[in-house]
Amino acid sequence: MTATAGSTTHSVFRAEGFSCPSCVAKIEKQVGRLPGVQAVEVKFASGRVEVDHDPAVTSADEIVAAIGKAGYTAALSAI
């Protein structure tokens, strides 16, 4: 987790297994469905997934699991 503003945390994950830009939409859709997630941005070229979420509602582990459900491996990235 990189920053906290109120009850929203900005977390950055490193995902692997990207093969095409349609992977971006899959991950954004899967993570965006989680309760407490306000924004999801997937950077195809770098494999970064940036998520604004309420950690009291959705944890980083739940986001990693959602990325996994979309078919990709991910881990919380330390900046």
PDB file of N, CA and C in Angstrom:
ATOM      1  N   MET A   1       0.841  -1.165   0.000  1.00  0.00           N
ATOM      2  CA  MET A   1       0.000   0.000   0.000  1.00  0.00           C
ATOM      3  C   MET A   1       0.887   1.229   0.000  1.00  0.00           C
ATOM      4  N   THR A   2       0.499   2.228  -0.722  1.00  0.00           N
ATOM      5  CA  THR A   2       1.383   3.363  -0.895  1.00  0.00           C
ATOM      6  C   THR A   2       0.911   4.639  -0.231  1.00  0.00           C
ATOM      7  N   ALA A   3      -0.372   4.883  -0.178  1.00  0.00           N
ATOM      8  CA  ALA A   3      -0.866   6.120   0.403  1.00  0.00           C
ATOM      9  C   ALA A   3      -2.261   5.910   0.950  1.00  0.00           C
ATOM     10  N   THR A   4      -2.562   6.666   1.980  1.00  0.00           N
ATOM     11  CA  THR A   4      -3.892   6.572   2.559  1.00  0.00           C
ATOM     12  C   THR A   4      -4.489   7.963   2.671  1.00  0.00           C
ATOM     13  N   ALA A   5      -5.684   8.136   2.181  1.00  0.00           N
ATOM     14  CA  ALA A   5      -6.409   9.397   2.296  1.00  0.00           C
ATOM     15  C   ALA A   5      -7.789   9.066   2.839  1.00  0.00           C
ATOM     16  N   GLY A   6      -8.006   9.352   4.129  1.00  0.00           N
ATOM     17  CA  GLY A   6      -9.282   8.997   4.721  1.00  0.00           C
ATOM     18  C   GLY A   6      -9.404   7.497   4.806  1.00  0.00           C
ATOM     19  N   SER A   7     -10.473   6.953   4.275  1.00  0.00           N
ATOM     20  CA  SER A   7     -10.654   5.512   4.317  1.00  0.00           C
ATOM     21  C   SER A   7     -10.264   4.854   2.997  1.00  0.00           C
ATOM     22  N   THR A   8      -9.681   5.621   2.069  1.00  0.00           N
ATOM     23  CA  THR A   8      -9.282   5.067   0.783  1.00  0.00           C
ATOM     24  C   THR A   8      -7.768   4.882   0.733  1.00  0.00           C
ATOM     25  N   THR A   9      -7.356   3.710   0.282  1.00  0.00           N
ATOM     26  CA  THR A   9      -5.938   3.397   0.136  1.00  0.00           C
ATOM     27  C   THR A   9      -5.634   3.163  -1.334  1.00  0.00           C
ATOM     28  N   HIS A  10      -4.483   3.652  -1.777  1.00  0.00           N
ATOM     29  CA  HIS A  10      -4.026   3.430  -3.144  1.00  0.00           C
ATOM     30  C   HIS A  10      -2.989   2.316  -3.091  1.00  0.00           C
ATOM     31  N   SER A  11      -3.320   1.163  -3.653  1.00  0.00           N
ATOM     32  CA  SER A  11      -2.409   0.015  -3.652  1.00  0.00           C
ATOM     33  C   SER A  11      -1.947  -0.273  -5.065  1.00  0.00           C
ATOM     34  N   VAL A  12      -0.686  -0.689  -5.169  1.00  0.00           N
ATOM     35  CA  VAL A  12      -0.112  -1.022  -6.471  1.00  0.00           C
ATOM     36  C   VAL A  12       0.295  -2.495  -6.445  1.00  0.00           C
ATOM     37  N   PHE A  13      -0.146  -3.208  -7.460  1.00  0.00           N
ATOM     38  CA  PHE A  13       0.155  -4.632  -7.580  1.00  0.00           C
ATOM     39  C   PHE A  13       0.951  -4.856  -8.856  1.00  0.00           C
ATOM     40  N   ARG A  14       1.744  -5.905  -8.870  1.00  0.00           N
ATOM     41  CA  ARG A  14       2.475  -6.313 -10.066  1.00  0.00           C
ATOM     42  C   ARG A  14       1.819  -7.605 -10.550  1.00  0.00           C
ATOM     43  N   ALA A  15       1.294  -7.575 -11.768  1.00  0.00           N
ATOM     44  CA  ALA A  15       0.621  -8.745 -12.324  1.00  0.00           C
ATOM     45  C   ALA A  15       1.454  -9.341 -13.443  1.00  0.00           C
ATOM     46  N   GLU A  16       1.312 -10.640 -13.631  1.00  0.00           N
ATOM     47  CA  GLU A  16       2.048 -11.352 -14.682  1.00  0.00           C
ATOM     48  C   GLU A  16       1.073 -12.158 -15.517  1.00  0.00           C
ATOM     49  N   GLY A  17       1.495 -12.447 -16.734  1.00  0.00           N
ATOM     50  CA  GLY A  17       0.679 -13.275 -17.609  1.00  0.00           C
ATOM     51  C   GLY A  17      -0.093 -12.490 -18.641  1.00  0.00           C
ATOM     52  N   PHE A  18       0.186 -11.196 -18.758  1.00  0.00           N
ATOM     53  CA  PHE A  18      -0.491 -10.380 -19.761  1.00  0.00           C
ATOM     54  C   PHE A  18      -0.054 -10.815 -21.150  1.00  0.00           C
ATOM     55  N   SER A  19      -1.000 -11.024 -22.044  1.00  0.00           N
ATOM     56  CA  SER A  19      -0.634 -11.383 -23.406  1.00  0.00           C
ATOM     57  C   SER A  19      -1.220 -10.430 -24.440  1.00  0.00           C
ATOM     58  N   CYS A  20      -2.235  -9.669 -24.051  1.00  0.00           N
ATOM     59  CA  CYS A  20      -2.854  -8.739 -24.992  1.00  0.00           C
ATOM     60  C   CYS A  20      -3.599  -7.658 -24.202  1.00  0.00           C
ATOM     61  N   PRO A  21      -3.938  -6.550 -24.870  1.00  0.00           N
ATOM     62  CA  PRO A  21      -4.634  -5.473 -24.174  1.00  0.00           C
ATOM     63  C   PRO A  21      -6.008  -5.869 -23.611  1.00  0.00           C
ATOM     64  N   SER A  22      -6.609  -6.945 -24.106  1.00  0.00           N
ATOM     65  CA  SER A  22      -7.908  -7.347 -23.561  1.00  0.00           C
ATOM     66  C   SER A  22      -7.771  -7.862 -22.127  1.00  0.00           C
ATOM     67  N   CYS A  23      -6.552  -8.213 -21.736  1.00  0.00           N
ATOM     68  CA  CYS A  23      -6.307  -8.625 -20.354  1.00  0.00           C
ATOM     69  C   CYS A  23      -6.637  -7.482 -19.397  1.00  0.00           C
ATOM     70  N   VAL A  24      -6.390  -6.262 -19.839  1.00  0.00           N
ATOM     71  CA  VAL A  24      -6.651  -5.083 -19.024  1.00  0.00           C
ATOM     72  C   VAL A  24      -8.126  -5.036 -18.623  1.00  0.00           C
ATOM     73  N   ALA A  25      -9.004  -5.201 -19.587  1.00  0.00           N
ATOM     74  CA  ALA A  25     -10.438  -5.145 -19.311  1.00  0.00           C
ATOM     75  C   ALA A  25     -10.881  -6.264 -18.384  1.00  0.00           C
ATOM     76  N   LYS A  26     -10.306  -7.447 -18.553  1.00  0.00           N
ATOM     77  CA  LYS A  26     -10.660  -8.574 -17.681  1.00  0.00           C
ATOM     78  C   LYS A  26     -10.340  -8.270 -16.226  1.00  0.00           C
ATOM     79  N   ILE A  27      -9.141  -7.769 -15.987  1.00  0.00           N
ATOM     80  CA  ILE A  27      -8.726  -7.468 -14.614  1.00  0.00           C
ATOM     81  C   ILE A  27      -9.536  -6.308 -14.046  1.00  0.00           C
ATOM     82  N   GLU A  28      -9.713  -5.252 -14.836  1.00  0.00           N
ATOM     83  CA  GLU A  28     -10.470  -4.099 -14.333  1.00  0.00           C
ATOM     84  C   GLU A  28     -11.893  -4.499 -13.977  1.00  0.00           C
ATOM     85  N   LYS A  29     -12.485  -5.353 -14.769  1.00  0.00           N
ATOM     86  CA  LYS A  29     -13.862  -5.796 -14.502  1.00  0.00           C
ATOM     87  C   LYS A  29     -13.913  -6.638 -13.231  1.00  0.00           C
ATOM     88  N   GLN A  30     -12.988  -7.575 -13.079  1.00  0.00           N
ATOM     89  CA  GLN A  30     -12.998  -8.482 -11.926  1.00  0.00           C
ATOM     90  C   GLN A  30     -12.715  -7.726 -10.629  1.00  0.00           C
ATOM     91  N   VAL A  31     -11.717  -6.864 -10.629  1.00  0.00           N
ATOM     92  CA  VAL A  31     -11.370  -6.116  -9.413  1.00  0.00           C
ATOM     93  C   VAL A  31     -12.425  -5.045  -9.128  1.00  0.00           C
ATOM     94  N   GLY A  32     -12.950  -4.427 -10.164  1.00  0.00           N
ATOM     95  CA  GLY A  32     -13.956  -3.383  -9.997  1.00  0.00           C
ATOM     96  C   GLY A  32     -15.247  -3.881  -9.372  1.00  0.00           C
ATOM     97  N   ARG A  33     -15.496  -5.170  -9.428  1.00  0.00           N
ATOM     98  CA  ARG A  33     -16.697  -5.761  -8.820  1.00  0.00           C
ATOM     99  C   ARG A  33     -16.598  -5.857  -7.303  1.00  0.00           C
ATOM    100  N   LEU A  34     -15.393  -5.792  -6.761  1.00  0.00           N
ATOM    101  CA  LEU A  34     -15.217  -5.958  -5.323  1.00  0.00           C
ATOM    102  C   LEU A  34     -15.816  -4.777  -4.574  1.00  0.00           C
ATOM    103  N   PRO A  35     -16.478  -5.042  -3.453  1.00  0.00           N
ATOM    104  CA  PRO A  35     -17.012  -3.935  -2.654  1.00  0.00           C
ATOM    105  C   PRO A  35     -15.862  -3.110  -2.071  1.00  0.00           C
ATOM    106  N   GLY A  36     -16.025  -1.819  -2.007  1.00  0.00           N
ATOM    107  CA  GLY A  36     -15.000  -0.949  -1.435  1.00  0.00           C
ATOM    108  C   GLY A  36     -13.957  -0.485  -2.435  1.00  0.00           C
ATOM    109  N   VAL A  37     -14.025  -0.967  -3.668  1.00  0.00           N
ATOM    110  CA  VAL A  37     -13.075  -0.543  -4.705  1.00  0.00           C
ATOM    111  C   VAL A  37     -13.659   0.661  -5.434  1.00  0.00           C
ATOM    112  N   GLN A  38     -12.926   1.783  -5.389  1.00  0.00           N
ATOM    113  CA  GLN A  38     -13.387   3.005  -6.052  1.00  0.00           C
ATOM    114  C   GLN A  38     -12.837   3.153  -7.463  1.00  0.00           C
ATOM    115  N   ALA A  39     -11.613   2.693  -7.704  1.00  0.00           N
ATOM    116  CA  ALA A  39     -11.006   2.845  -9.027  1.00  0.00           C
ATOM    117  C   ALA A  39      -9.983   1.750  -9.270  1.00  0.00           C
ATOM    118  N   VAL A  40      -9.887   1.326 -10.526  1.00  0.00           N
ATOM    119  CA  VAL A  40      -8.895   0.323 -10.939  1.00  0.00           C
ATOM    120  C   VAL A  40      -8.268   0.818 -12.227  1.00  0.00           C
ATOM    121  N   GLU A  41      -6.942   0.803 -12.279  1.00  0.00           N
ATOM    122  CA  GLU A  41      -6.246   1.163 -13.511  1.00  0.00           C
ATOM    123  C   GLU A  41      -5.153   0.129 -13.762  1.00  0.00           C
ATOM    124  N   VAL A  42      -5.222  -0.521 -14.911  1.00  0.00           N
ATOM    125  CA  VAL A  42      -4.236  -1.537 -15.277  1.00  0.00           C
ATOM    126  C   VAL A  42      -3.329  -0.947 -16.348  1.00  0.00           C
ATOM    127  N   LYS A  43      -2.016  -1.013 -16.092  1.00  0.00           N
ATOM    128  CA  LYS A  43      -1.030  -0.503 -17.049  1.00  0.00           C
ATOM    129  C   LYS A  43      -0.446  -1.714 -17.784  1.00  0.00           C
ATOM    130  N   PHE A  44      -0.898  -1.894 -19.014  1.00  0.00           N
ATOM    131  CA  PHE A  44      -0.528  -3.070 -19.801  1.00  0.00           C
ATOM    132  C   PHE A  44       0.980  -3.188 -19.982  1.00  0.00           C
ATOM    133  N   ALA A  45       1.635  -2.118 -20.365  1.00  0.00           N
ATOM    134  CA  ALA A  45       3.062  -2.176 -20.683  1.00  0.00           C
ATOM    135  C   ALA A  45       3.920  -2.555 -19.484  1.00  0.00           C
ATOM    136  N   SER A  46       3.555  -2.085 -18.297  1.00  0.00           N
ATOM    137  CA  SER A  46       4.373  -2.356 -17.116  1.00  0.00           C
ATOM    138  C   SER A  46       3.844  -3.496 -16.259  1.00  0.00           C
ATOM    139  N   GLY A  47       2.618  -3.932 -16.502  1.00  0.00           N
ATOM    140  CA  GLY A  47       2.023  -4.994 -15.696  1.00  0.00           C
ATOM    141  C   GLY A  47       1.583  -4.527 -14.327  1.00  0.00           C
ATOM    142  N   ARG A  48       1.435  -3.225 -14.157  1.00  0.00           N
ATOM    143  CA  ARG A  48       1.013  -2.664 -12.866  1.00  0.00           C
ATOM    144  C   ARG A  48      -0.502  -2.575 -12.802  1.00  0.00           C
ATOM    145  N   VAL A  49      -1.040  -2.854 -11.630  1.00  0.00           N
ATOM    146  CA  VAL A  49      -2.468  -2.704 -11.379  1.00  0.00           C
ATOM    147  C   VAL A  49      -2.598  -1.765 -10.187  1.00  0.00           C
ATOM    148  N   GLU A  50      -3.190  -0.589 -10.400  1.00  0.00           N
ATOM    149  CA  GLU A  50      -3.339   0.400  -9.345  1.00  0.00           C
ATOM    150  C   GLU A  50      -4.802   0.436  -8.931  1.00  0.00           C
ATOM    151  N   VAL A  51      -5.022   0.301  -7.620  1.00  0.00           N
ATOM    152  CA  VAL A  51      -6.388   0.182  -7.111  1.00  0.00           C
ATOM    153  C   VAL A  51      -6.593   1.158  -5.957  1.00  0.00           C
ATOM    154  N   ASP A  52      -7.646   1.961  -6.026  1.00  0.00           N
ATOM    155  CA  ASP A  52      -8.078   2.784  -4.907  1.00  0.00           C
ATOM    156  C   ASP A  52      -9.210   2.026  -4.226  1.00  0.00           C
ATOM    157  N   HIS A  53      -9.004   1.695  -2.936  1.00  0.00           N
ATOM    158  CA  HIS A  53      -9.999   0.886  -2.233  1.00  0.00           C
ATOM    159  C   HIS A  53     -10.021   1.200  -0.749  1.00  0.00           C
ATOM    160  N   ASP A  54     -11.107   0.800  -0.101  1.00  0.00           N
ATOM    161  CA  ASP A  54     -11.237   0.927   1.342  1.00  0.00           C
ATOM    162  C   ASP A  54     -10.710  -0.367   1.949  1.00  0.00           C
ATOM    163  N   PRO A  55      -9.569  -0.341   2.630  1.00  0.00           N
ATOM    164  CA  PRO A  55      -8.985  -1.579   3.161  1.00  0.00           C
ATOM    165  C   PRO A  55      -9.830  -2.227   4.249  1.00  0.00           C
ATOM    166  N   ALA A  56     -10.751  -1.479   4.852  1.00  0.00           N
ATOM    167  CA  ALA A  56     -11.642  -2.061   5.853  1.00  0.00           C
ATOM    168  C   ALA A  56     -12.705  -2.928   5.193  1.00  0.00           C
ATOM    169  N   VAL A  57     -12.932  -2.711   3.893  1.00  0.00           N
ATOM    170  CA  VAL A  57     -13.951  -3.456   3.152  1.00  0.00           C
ATOM    171  C   VAL A  57     -13.306  -4.527   2.272  1.00  0.00           C
ATOM    172  N   THR A  58     -12.240  -4.155   1.559  1.00  0.00           N
ATOM    173  CA  THR A  58     -11.552  -5.088   0.654  1.00  0.00           C
ATOM    174  C   THR A  58     -10.053  -5.025   0.905  1.00  0.00           C
ATOM    175  N   SER A  59      -9.481  -6.155   1.263  1.00  0.00           N
ATOM    176  CA  SER A  59      -8.043  -6.210   1.567  1.00  0.00           C
ATOM    177  C   SER A  59      -7.220  -6.410   0.289  1.00  0.00           C
ATOM    178  N   ALA A  60      -5.915  -6.207   0.423  1.00  0.00           N
ATOM    179  CA  ALA A  60      -5.001  -6.443  -0.705  1.00  0.00           C
ATOM    180  C   ALA A  60      -5.051  -7.912  -1.125  1.00  0.00           C
ATOM    181  N   ASP A  61      -5.190  -8.812  -0.163  1.00  0.00           N
ATOM    182  CA  ASP A  61      -5.267 -10.244  -0.489  1.00  0.00           C
ATOM    183  C   ASP A  61      -6.508 -10.546  -1.330  1.00  0.00           C
ATOM    184  N   GLU A  62      -7.610  -9.876  -1.047  1.00  0.00           N
ATOM    185  CA  GLU A  62      -8.829 -10.092  -1.825  1.00  0.00           C
ATOM    186  C   GLU A  62      -8.656  -9.564  -3.247  1.00  0.00           C
ATOM    187  N   ILE A  63      -7.903  -8.480  -3.395  1.00  0.00           N
ATOM    188  CA  ILE A  63      -7.639  -7.937  -4.737  1.00  0.00           C
ATOM    189  C   ILE A  63      -6.731  -8.888  -5.511  1.00  0.00           C
ATOM    190  N   VAL A  64      -5.707  -9.418  -4.847  1.00  0.00           N
ATOM    191  CA  VAL A  64      -4.829 -10.409  -5.498  1.00  0.00           C
ATOM    192  C   VAL A  64      -5.651 -11.622  -5.932  1.00  0.00           C
ATOM    193  N   ALA A  65      -6.577 -12.053  -5.086  1.00  0.00           N
ATOM    194  CA  ALA A  65      -7.433 -13.202  -5.425  1.00  0.00           C
ATOM    195  C   ALA A  65      -8.321 -12.884  -6.631  1.00  0.00           C
ATOM    196  N   ALA A  66      -8.835 -11.655  -6.700  1.00  0.00           N
ATOM    197  CA  ALA A  66      -9.682 -11.264  -7.833  1.00  0.00           C
ATOM    198  C   ALA A  66      -8.881 -11.238  -9.131  1.00  0.00           C
ATOM    199  N   ILE A  67      -7.646 -10.767  -9.060  1.00  0.00           N
ATOM    200  CA  ILE A  67      -6.774 -10.778 -10.245  1.00  0.00           C
ATOM    201  C   ILE A  67      -6.506 -12.225 -10.652  1.00  0.00           C
ATOM    202  N   GLY A  68      -6.298 -13.088  -9.665  1.00  0.00           N
ATOM    203  CA  GLY A  68      -6.111 -14.502  -9.942  1.00  0.00           C
ATOM    204  C   GLY A  68      -7.338 -15.131 -10.582  1.00  0.00           C
ATOM    205  N   LYS A  69      -8.527 -14.713 -10.143  1.00  0.00           N
ATOM    206  CA  LYS A  69      -9.773 -15.227 -10.704  1.00  0.00           C
ATOM    207  C   LYS A  69      -9.908 -14.822 -12.176  1.00  0.00           C
ATOM    208  N   ALA A  70      -9.306 -13.689 -12.526  1.00  0.00           N
ATOM    209  CA  ALA A  70      -9.319 -13.238 -13.921  1.00  0.00           C
ATOM    210  C   ALA A  70      -8.322 -14.035 -14.765  1.00  0.00           C
ATOM    211  N   GLY A  71      -7.443 -14.801 -14.090  1.00  0.00           N
ATOM    212  CA  GLY A  71      -6.514 -15.652 -14.821  1.00  0.00           C
ATOM    213  C   GLY A  71      -5.058 -15.212 -14.789  1.00  0.00           C
ATOM    214  N   TYR A  72      -4.719 -14.303 -13.867  1.00  0.00           N
ATOM    215  CA  TYR A  72      -3.349 -13.784 -13.827  1.00  0.00           C
ATOM    216  C   TYR A  72      -2.814 -13.869 -12.408  1.00  0.00           C
ATOM    217  N   THR A  73      -1.502 -13.960 -12.285  1.00  0.00           N
ATOM    218  CA  THR A  73      -0.897 -13.950 -10.961  1.00  0.00           C
ATOM    219  C   THR A  73      -0.522 -12.516 -10.619  1.00  0.00           C
ATOM    220  N   ALA A  74      -0.618 -12.177  -9.328  1.00  0.00           N
ATOM    221  CA  ALA A  74      -0.300 -10.815  -8.911  1.00  0.00           C
ATOM    222  C   ALA A  74       0.215 -10.828  -7.482  1.00  0.00           C
ATOM    223  N   ALA A  75       0.936  -9.780  -7.145  1.00  0.00           N
ATOM    224  CA  ALA A  75       1.430  -9.584  -5.793  1.00  0.00           C
ATOM    225  C   ALA A  75       1.439  -8.095  -5.503  1.00  0.00           C
ATOM    226  N   LEU A  76       1.243  -7.760  -4.241  1.00  0.00           N
ATOM    227  CA  LEU A  76       1.315  -6.365  -3.836  1.00  0.00           C
ATOM    228  C   LEU A  76       2.735  -5.880  -4.071  1.00  0.00           C
ATOM    229  N   SER A  77       2.869  -4.724  -4.718  1.00  0.00           N
ATOM    230  CA  SER A  77       4.172  -4.190  -5.076  1.00  0.00           C
ATOM    231  C   SER A  77       4.589  -3.120  -4.084  1.00  0.00           C
ATOM    232  N   ALA A  78       5.811  -3.158  -3.643  1.00  0.00           N
ATOM    233  CA  ALA A  78       6.352  -2.113  -2.789  1.00  0.00           C
ATOM    234  C   ALA A  78       7.060  -1.109  -3.673  1.00  0.00           C
ATOM    235  N   ILE A  79       6.735   0.149  -3.494  1.00  0.00           N
ATOM    236  CA  ILE A  79       7.368   1.186  -4.318  1.00  0.00           C
ATOM    237  C   ILE A  79       8.482   1.835  -3.543  1.00  0.00           C
TER     238      ILE A  79
END
